[in-house]
Amino acid sequence: EQHQGQQHQQQQLGSRCGEVSDLLSCFIVGLARQRLRPPDSWLQLFEQLLLQQLSCMSGGQLAKTLLGLARLQYKPDYIAVQLLLQRSQQHLPSMSRSNLVKVLHAVAKLGMVPADSWLQEYYKRALSAPGTFQVSGFGMMVWALAKIGAKPDLGWMQQLLDTTFDMNCASSSGDGDDYVGQCRTGSWEVAGKLQQMQPQHLANMICAFAKLDFTPGPEWMSWFRAQVGQQAGALEEL
């Protein structure tokens, strides 16, 4: 009976911990959406509470919280950054694609510098997570990778592009440059998805490609040029 009582108490504590973590993430995201930035002294107290709850936070809660802080333009101190990166890396293997986008975008906006082990774990999960990335999410991801100075494998970039834009590439069991070469001969249908992107997002994405030393195949580029031509007026205003 004593053992059962201890288990029940631990379950209650775990439930409360999760509830507090959810409250923290929702609260900071709500402030960011309403563009209500508290003073730094308040955010520093929030940071302390966040670190206390870090072990309870799910990957989704942590991704939302980091993005909220990024949108409020508040950068945690060095020790907090290291703890946040460490905890987020532990969650990477099980993160959804939407949370992968959020956490990387937040890391870039906060000026964090993830370790190579963090990035390698991220690259693996980005390809293995169920579903596909939204076009906007893909754009945010490559922008963030360029922002933090990452240099992902070109084959990885190509695979990510393929799955995001529903490209019908030649089947390949290869990796790296071999995969890139075979994929460039495929027939791609990307116009519809490119049309979903705003001019600013198109500009950010192509600039990110340049910083990442990645060049999509000629057919993708032809669709991209066509889309830029349609939005030329809007792009001139950027």
Protein backbone atom coordinates (compact mmCIF):
# COMPACT_ATOMS: atom_id res chain seq x y z
CA GLU A 1 0.00 0.00 0.00
CA GLN A 2 2.85 2.37 0.80
CA HIS A 3 4.41 1.64 -2.61
CA GLN A 4 1.08 2.30 -4.37
CA GLY A 5 0.70 5.53 -2.43
CA GLN A 6 4.13 6.70 -3.55
CA GLN A 7 3.31 5.87 -7.18
CA HIS A 8 0.06 7.81 -6.96
CA GLN A 9 1.88 10.79 -5.47
CA GLN A 10 4.51 10.71 -8.22
CA GLN A 11 1.79 10.57 -10.88
CA GLN A 12 0.08 13.60 -9.35
CA LEU A 13 3.36 15.52 -9.24
CA GLY A 14 4.08 14.58 -12.86
CA SER A 15 0.63 15.72 -13.92
CA ARG A 16 0.99 19.05 -12.13
CA CYS A 17 4.45 19.53 -13.60
CA GLY A 18 3.09 18.96 -17.10
CA GLU A 19 0.22 21.36 -16.49
CA VAL A 20 2.58 24.11 -15.32
CA SER A 21 4.81 23.53 -18.35
CA ASP A 22 1.84 23.80 -20.67
CA LEU A 23 0.76 27.00 -18.95
CA LEU A 24 4.21 28.52 -19.35
CA SER A 25 4.42 27.71 -23.06
CA CYS A 26 0.91 28.93 -23.80
CA PHE A 27 1.41 32.12 -21.81
CA ILE A 28 4.65 33.17 -23.50
CA VAL A 29 3.26 32.34 -26.96
CA GLY A 30 0.13 34.37 -26.16
CA LEU A 31 2.21 37.38 -25.19
CA ALA A 32 4.21 37.10 -28.40
CA ARG A 33 1.10 36.85 -30.57
CA GLN A 34 -0.40 39.92 -28.93
CA ARG A 35 2.95 41.71 -29.23
CA LEU A 36 2.94 42.40 -25.51
CA ARG A 37 6.58 42.42 -24.43
CA PRO A 38 7.10 42.45 -20.67
CA PRO A 39 10.19 44.20 -19.25
CA ASP A 40 13.44 42.25 -19.11
CA SER A 41 13.14 41.88 -15.34
CA TRP A 42 9.86 39.98 -15.81
CA LEU A 43 11.32 37.83 -18.58
CA GLN A 44 14.32 36.99 -16.41
CA LEU A 45 11.96 35.65 -13.75
CA PHE A 46 10.14 33.70 -16.45
CA GLU A 47 13.48 32.27 -17.55
CA GLN A 48 14.21 31.04 -14.02
CA LEU A 49 10.81 29.37 -13.81
CA LEU A 50 11.30 27.85 -17.24
CA LEU A 51 14.57 26.24 -16.19
CA GLN A 52 12.90 24.82 -13.08
CA GLN A 53 10.26 23.20 -15.29
CA LEU A 54 12.63 22.11 -18.04
CA SER A 55 12.69 18.44 -17.09
CA CYS A 56 8.88 18.32 -17.29
CA MET A 57 8.50 19.99 -20.66
CA SER A 58 7.54 18.03 -23.76
CA GLY A 59 9.20 18.69 -27.09
CA GLY A 60 6.18 20.63 -28.28
CA GLN A 61 6.02 22.76 -25.15
CA LEU A 62 9.71 23.55 -25.37
CA ALA A 63 9.54 24.42 -29.07
CA LYS A 64 6.60 26.78 -28.50
CA THR A 65 8.29 28.41 -25.51
CA LEU A 66 11.53 29.03 -27.39
CA LEU A 67 9.65 30.50 -30.32
CA GLY A 68 7.69 32.75 -27.98
CA LEU A 69 10.90 34.06 -26.42
CA ALA A 70 12.38 34.60 -29.87
CA ARG A 71 9.38 36.62 -31.03
CA LEU A 72 9.62 38.72 -27.88
CA GLN A 73 13.30 39.27 -28.74
CA TYR A 74 14.48 38.01 -25.39
CA LYS A 75 17.69 36.00 -25.33
CA PRO A 76 18.30 33.86 -22.21
CA ASP A 77 21.72 34.01 -20.57
CA TYR A 78 24.55 31.68 -21.56
CA ILE A 79 23.88 28.97 -18.98
CA ALA A 80 20.17 28.94 -19.81
CA VAL A 81 20.96 28.68 -23.53
CA GLN A 82 23.14 25.62 -22.96
CA LEU A 83 20.47 23.94 -20.83
CA LEU A 84 17.76 24.72 -23.37
CA LEU A 85 19.85 23.33 -26.23
CA GLN A 86 20.65 20.22 -24.22
CA ARG A 87 17.00 19.59 -23.37
CA SER A 88 15.81 20.27 -26.91
CA GLN A 89 18.37 17.81 -28.28
CA GLN A 90 16.92 15.13 -26.04
CA HIS A 91 13.52 15.78 -27.60
CA LEU A 92 14.67 15.96 -31.24
CA PRO A 93 14.33 12.21 -32.00
CA SER A 94 10.60 12.33 -31.29
CA MET A 95 9.66 15.83 -32.48
CA SER A 96 6.98 16.40 -35.09
CA ARG A 97 7.85 18.28 -38.26
CA SER A 98 6.02 21.40 -37.10
CA ASN A 99 7.95 21.42 -33.82
CA LEU A 100 11.21 20.85 -35.69
CA VAL A 101 10.52 24.02 -37.66
CA LYS A 102 9.63 25.97 -34.51
CA VAL A 103 12.65 24.93 -32.50
CA LEU A 104 15.17 25.59 -35.29
CA HIS A 105 13.60 28.93 -36.17
CA ALA A 106 13.71 29.94 -32.51
CA VAL A 107 17.32 28.80 -32.12
CA ALA A 108 18.32 30.97 -35.08
CA LYS A 109 16.36 34.05 -33.99
CA LEU A 110 17.76 33.79 -30.46
CA GLY A 111 21.31 33.67 -31.81
CA MET A 112 21.99 30.26 -30.28
CA VAL A 113 24.84 28.16 -31.66
CA PRO A 114 23.91 24.47 -31.48
CA ALA A 115 26.65 21.86 -31.31
CA ASP A 116 27.33 19.59 -34.26
CA SER A 117 25.73 16.69 -32.36
CA TRP A 118 22.55 18.76 -32.05
CA LEU A 119 22.51 19.46 -35.78
CA GLN A 120 23.20 15.85 -36.74
CA GLU A 121 20.29 14.72 -34.59
CA TYR A 122 18.16 17.39 -36.20
CA TYR A 123 19.09 16.32 -39.73
CA LYS A 124 18.16 12.71 -38.99
CA ARG A 125 14.78 13.57 -37.51
CA ALA A 126 13.91 16.02 -40.28
CA LEU A 127 13.95 13.13 -42.77
CA SER A 128 12.45 10.46 -40.53
CA ALA A 129 9.58 12.38 -38.89
CA PRO A 130 6.12 11.33 -40.17
CA GLY A 131 4.38 13.47 -42.77
CA THR A 132 5.85 16.28 -44.85
CA PHE A 133 6.91 19.84 -44.16
CA GLN A 134 4.64 22.69 -45.15
CA VAL A 135 6.24 24.93 -47.78
CA SER A 136 6.33 27.83 -45.32
CA GLY A 137 7.96 25.59 -42.72
CA PHE A 138 10.58 24.44 -45.21
CA GLY A 139 11.39 28.08 -45.98
CA MET A 140 11.73 28.88 -42.27
CA MET A 141 13.97 25.87 -41.80
CA VAL A 142 16.46 26.65 -44.56
CA TRP A 143 16.52 30.32 -43.50
CA ALA A 144 17.36 29.23 -39.94
CA LEU A 145 20.08 26.83 -41.10
CA ALA A 146 21.70 29.61 -43.10
CA LYS A 147 21.34 32.02 -40.18
CA ILE A 148 23.25 29.77 -37.76
CA GLY A 149 25.93 29.00 -40.34
CA ALA A 150 25.09 25.31 -40.70
CA LYS A 151 26.38 23.33 -43.68
CA PRO A 152 24.03 20.37 -44.18
CA ASP A 153 24.88 17.71 -46.75
CA LEU A 154 23.62 18.60 -50.23
CA GLY A 155 21.94 15.22 -50.53
CA TRP A 156 20.02 15.94 -47.34
CA MET A 157 18.93 19.29 -48.74
CA GLN A 158 17.77 17.63 -51.95
CA GLN A 159 15.75 14.99 -50.12
CA LEU A 160 14.12 17.67 -48.00
CA LEU A 161 13.25 19.67 -51.11
CA ASP A 162 11.83 16.57 -52.79
CA THR A 163 9.49 15.64 -49.96
CA THR A 164 8.36 19.21 -49.36
CA PHE A 165 7.48 19.97 -52.96
CA ASP A 166 6.23 16.49 -53.89
CA MET A 167 8.88 16.03 -56.52
CA ASN A 168 8.87 12.83 -58.57
CA CYS A 169 12.56 12.10 -58.69
CA ALA A 170 14.23 9.05 -60.12
CA SER A 171 14.42 6.37 -57.45
CA SER A 172 17.80 6.18 -55.78
CA SER A 173 19.40 4.22 -52.98
CA GLY A 174 22.39 6.53 -52.94
CA ASP A 175 23.29 9.42 -50.70
CA GLY A 176 24.98 12.78 -51.04
CA ASP A 177 26.01 14.00 -54.47
CA ASP A 178 24.85 10.79 -56.20
CA TYR A 179 21.34 11.42 -54.93
CA VAL A 180 21.49 15.03 -56.11
CA GLY A 181 22.59 14.02 -59.59
CA GLN A 182 19.84 11.46 -60.03
CA CYS A 183 17.17 13.73 -58.60
CA ARG A 184 17.93 16.52 -61.01
CA THR A 185 16.78 14.39 -63.91
CA GLY A 186 13.30 13.93 -62.41
CA SER A 187 10.05 15.55 -63.48
CA TRP A 188 8.96 17.98 -60.77
CA GLU A 189 5.57 19.56 -60.08
CA VAL A 190 6.30 22.52 -57.83
CA ALA A 191 4.45 25.51 -59.23
CA GLY A 192 1.38 25.06 -57.05
CA LYS A 193 3.39 24.97 -53.85
CA LEU A 194 5.59 27.91 -54.84
CA GLN A 195 2.43 29.92 -55.41
CA GLN A 196 1.61 29.45 -51.73
CA MET A 197 4.68 31.44 -50.70
CA GLN A 198 4.72 35.16 -50.05
CA PRO A 199 7.32 37.28 -51.91
CA GLN A 200 9.36 37.77 -48.73
CA HIS A 201 9.43 34.02 -48.14
CA LEU A 202 10.55 33.37 -51.70
CA ALA A 203 13.37 35.89 -51.32
CA ASN A 204 14.44 34.45 -47.96
CA MET A 205 14.46 30.92 -49.31
CA ILE A 206 16.60 31.60 -52.36
CA CYS A 207 19.05 33.66 -50.27
CA ALA A 208 19.27 30.79 -47.80
CA PHE A 209 20.01 28.36 -50.65
CA ALA A 210 22.92 30.56 -51.69
CA LYS A 211 24.35 30.69 -48.15
CA LEU A 212 24.00 26.93 -47.84
CA ASP A 213 25.80 26.40 -51.20
CA PHE A 214 22.77 24.52 -52.46
CA THR A 215 21.46 24.81 -56.02
CA PRO A 216 18.16 23.12 -56.89
CA GLY A 217 17.88 21.48 -60.29
CA PRO A 218 17.10 23.47 -63.46
CA GLU A 219 13.44 22.44 -63.61
CA TRP A 220 12.78 23.62 -60.05
CA MET A 221 14.58 26.87 -60.85
CA SER A 222 12.48 27.39 -63.95
CA TRP A 223 9.32 27.14 -61.83
CA PHE A 224 10.89 29.46 -59.28
CA ARG A 225 11.73 32.07 -61.93
CA ALA A 226 8.19 31.86 -63.27
CA GLN A 227 6.79 32.47 -59.80
CA VAL A 228 9.17 35.38 -59.20
CA GLY A 229 8.05 36.86 -62.51
CA GLN A 230 4.43 36.73 -61.40
CA GLN A 231 5.31 38.47 -58.14
CA ALA A 232 7.88 40.89 -59.54
CA GLY A 233 5.95 43.95 -58.41
CA ALA A 234 5.72 42.74 -54.84
CA LEU A 235 9.39 41.75 -54.77
CA GLU A 236 10.43 45.25 -55.89
CA GLU A 237 8.81 46.60 -52.72
CA LEU A 238 10.92 44.41 -50.38
